[in-house]
């Protein structure tokens, strides 16, 4: 017996969607075939390279944009001075929220005895940490370390500077550290210094399995803290107790004393930098930082969107799309550089394909359907500019996730691109 037929209403809906998808696929297929055909006869690569050269954003322009934004950023340059295993990298993790692996990869040699880590990137940092490496209680190294640190302090920078002395609660072999702090203090008394006493759990009473309420009221901890403060008398402005551990250590919270550390450090900084330190630890941290980078990225995106709008009206049938693609790849490469990613043209092209996968086919199909039978004017200026804008917004989300140590979320990127595309179509609509 034949199967019962479904009701007419669902059949109509399915047929409509099926027909729409089929038409979209057909139009996109025709477009790709035609473009490929014309590329055999037209010097598209040469045209694209020429136009990219004409409209490219120069290194000088990029440097000028970054210079202006850096001048406005409330950047804090913190010199971390302490012996190995004193908790300097943990302080970086506490203030930035990035993983231990990211911190380790982020530090790069700066001079012989120092390494530097800029967060969230070297081009637009909110925090710059300079870490003393190999600092043991070896007196013959002291002068070389001091000279390097003094050189760091004398360099021009865009924000506030601070010294953070890190000392383990049970370490009293600090002659070298005190000597360094004394020389720095004498040469730069205007730079605030925070004494951070770390690893408190090493002096907890036997059987203590977790941190107590802050601040800890253990006699052994308080006695050692007082002794350390006395030994560094005159070399610091404020002192604070902290214990920043790893998750696997089992102590809760992982960043014990973080609020006290944040507030104490902020008290030593100018208003703008203090506000930035607090914002870094808020729930909206990623959004705040992302907005700084995206606002800068939009300066690039706008330039390329206007360029693609102008090129889209050039009467080169079917050659326009490859030219626009070349410009868009150039834009993504520049955005990558803004976020600390150096990309070759082929790598930038791969990212374009990754973040635009699915979106481009749907967008082209829907837009081409609207323009039939006026096929010659399919890629209108407003559409080209809107897609370029959407692609740029998607690239900012992609690079922003990478910069934050996260795996890019394709669904989030697609959603951002779709919203940006709809808004940009109205923005770039011909008046």
Foldseek 3Di string as FASTA:
>chain_A
DDDDDDDPVVVVVVVVVVVLVVLLVVVVVVLVVVLVVVVVVDVLVVVLVVLCVVQPDDPVNLVVLLVVLQLVAAAEEEEEDEAPPLCPLLLVCLQQVADSVCSVVQWDDDDPFWTWGFPLAPSRGRYIYIYGPPDDLDVVCLVVVLVVVVVVVPDDHNHAYAYEYGAELPDPSCPSVLVSLVVVCVVCVVHAYEYEYEDLVVPDPPPDQEDDPPPDPDPSSVVSVVVVCVVNPPRHDYYFYWYAADVVSRYPPNTGCSVVVLVVVLVRGPPSSNVLSVLSPDPCNLVVVLVSLVVSLVVLLQSLLQSLLVQLPPQDFSSSVVSNLSSLLSSLQSSLVSLVHHDDSVRSSVVLCVLCPPVVSVLLSVQCVVCPPVNSNSCHSQQSSLQSSLSSQLSSQCSSCVSSVHHRDSVVSSVSSVVSSVVSSVVSPDD
